Amino acid sequence: MIKRAILTLLLLGASTSSLASPELLSPTEIQFGQFELIETIEIQGDIEDSLLRLVDKNLQYKDSDFYVIQDISEDTRKDTLTIVVNLYNQSANYSLSQHPA
């Protein structure tokens, strides 16, 4: 029953558009999971902008599963905010049976 439900969810997920934004993960989740680093990007914006809004806007068309915020810095002289983000995909050989729920 559970396998059937999971299979149904996977099929629904595969049939929907893949333009969804990557999901935020903590650095510790990356350490203990099976993820592949895809790309590191640097996002710059106005110091008054919302951090999450800036990240979401810049990642909305990225083709990855997850992201981790590596660094956040401000330059008050230039009124800029710089965010360094690592993009990850879940490893193809990842199995839910390898990790307890």
Protein backbone atom coordinates (compact mmCIF):
# COMPACT_ATOMS: atom_id res chain seq x y z
CA MET A 1 0.00 0.00 0.00
CA ILE A 2 2.76 2.44 0.95
CA LYS A 3 4.81 1.51 -2.12
CA ARG A 4 1.80 2.17 -4.32
CA ALA A 5 1.25 5.58 -2.72
CA ILE A 6 4.92 6.51 -3.14
CA LEU A 7 4.89 5.36 -6.76
CA THR A 8 1.77 7.44 -7.42
CA LEU A 9 3.42 10.51 -5.88
CA LEU A 10 6.56 9.96 -7.93
CA LEU A 11 4.56 9.67 -11.14
CA LEU A 12 2.62 12.82 -10.30
CA GLY A 13 5.84 14.65 -9.54
CA ALA A 14 7.42 13.52 -12.78
CA SER A 15 4.41 14.59 -14.81
CA THR A 16 4.34 18.13 -13.43
CA SER A 17 6.51 20.93 -14.74
CA SER A 18 10.14 20.81 -13.68
CA LEU A 19 10.39 24.59 -13.36
CA ALA A 20 9.96 24.47 -9.60
CA SER A 21 12.55 26.26 -7.52
CA PRO A 22 15.11 24.21 -5.63
CA GLU A 23 14.37 23.50 -1.97
CA LEU A 24 16.47 24.97 0.86
CA LEU A 25 18.56 22.51 2.90
CA SER A 26 20.82 23.01 5.87
CA PRO A 27 24.55 22.29 5.44
CA THR A 28 24.29 19.34 7.84
CA GLU A 29 21.66 17.67 5.65
CA ILE A 30 24.12 17.81 2.75
CA GLN A 31 26.85 16.23 4.89
CA PHE A 32 24.73 13.23 5.85
CA GLY A 33 22.81 12.73 2.62
CA GLN A 34 23.80 11.64 -0.85
CA PHE A 35 23.89 14.81 -2.93
CA GLU A 36 25.87 15.97 -5.94
CA LEU A 37 27.17 19.54 -6.11
CA ILE A 38 25.93 21.00 -9.39
CA GLU A 39 26.91 24.65 -9.31
CA THR A 40 27.97 27.49 -7.01
CA ILE A 41 26.41 30.85 -7.78
CA GLU A 42 26.79 34.33 -6.35
CA ILE A 43 23.68 36.46 -6.03
CA GLN A 44 23.92 40.20 -5.56
CA GLY A 45 21.11 42.53 -4.66
CA ASP A 46 20.14 45.65 -2.79
CA ILE A 47 20.94 45.56 0.92
CA GLU A 48 17.27 46.36 1.65
CA ASP A 49 15.99 43.34 -0.32
CA SER A 50 14.64 40.27 1.42
CA LEU A 51 17.27 37.52 1.51
CA LEU A 52 14.83 34.72 0.68
CA ARG A 53 13.10 36.74 -2.03
CA LEU A 54 16.45 37.41 -3.70
CA VAL A 55 17.43 33.74 -3.56
CA ASP A 56 14.04 32.48 -4.75
CA LYS A 57 13.97 34.95 -7.65
CA ASN A 58 17.46 33.95 -8.82
CA LEU A 59 16.90 30.21 -8.44
CA GLN A 60 13.40 29.88 -9.88
CA TYR A 61 14.67 28.63 -13.25
CA LYS A 62 17.67 26.63 -12.02
CA ASP A 63 17.61 22.93 -12.75
CA SER A 64 18.54 21.49 -9.36
CA ASP A 65 16.77 19.81 -6.48
CA PHE A 66 18.20 21.63 -3.46
CA TYR A 67 20.30 24.61 -2.44
CA VAL A 68 22.42 25.57 0.56
CA ILE A 69 23.31 29.14 1.49
CA GLN A 70 27.08 29.11 2.00
CA ASP A 71 27.80 32.75 2.76
CA ILE A 72 26.01 36.06 3.24
CA SER A 73 27.86 39.37 3.20
CA GLU A 74 26.92 43.04 3.08
CA ASP A 75 28.75 46.04 1.67
CA THR A 76 27.26 49.06 3.42
CA ARG A 77 29.25 51.49 1.28
CA LYS A 78 27.68 50.15 -1.90
CA ASP A 79 24.38 49.11 -0.23
CA THR A 80 24.70 45.59 -1.66
CA LEU A 81 23.97 42.13 -0.31
CA THR A 82 25.94 39.15 -1.65
CA ILE A 83 24.76 35.57 -1.17
CA VAL A 84 26.80 32.52 -2.18
CA VAL A 85 24.60 29.50 -2.91
CA ASN A 86 25.54 25.90 -3.71
CA LEU A 87 23.09 23.96 -5.87
CA TYR A 88 22.71 20.20 -5.39
CA ASN A 89 20.87 17.29 -6.95
CA GLN A 90 19.95 14.17 -5.07
CA SER A 91 22.31 11.36 -6.03
CA ALA A 92 20.83 8.86 -8.50
CA ASN A 93 21.76 5.93 -6.25
CA TYR A 94 19.97 7.41 -3.22
CA SER A 95 17.54 5.03 -1.59
CA LEU A 96 15.06 5.75 1.17
CA SER A 97 15.79 2.31 2.60
CA GLN A 98 19.36 3.42 3.39
CA HIS A 99 18.20 6.09 5.81
CA PRO A 100 15.79 5.57 8.70
CA ALA A 101 12.71 7.76 8.80
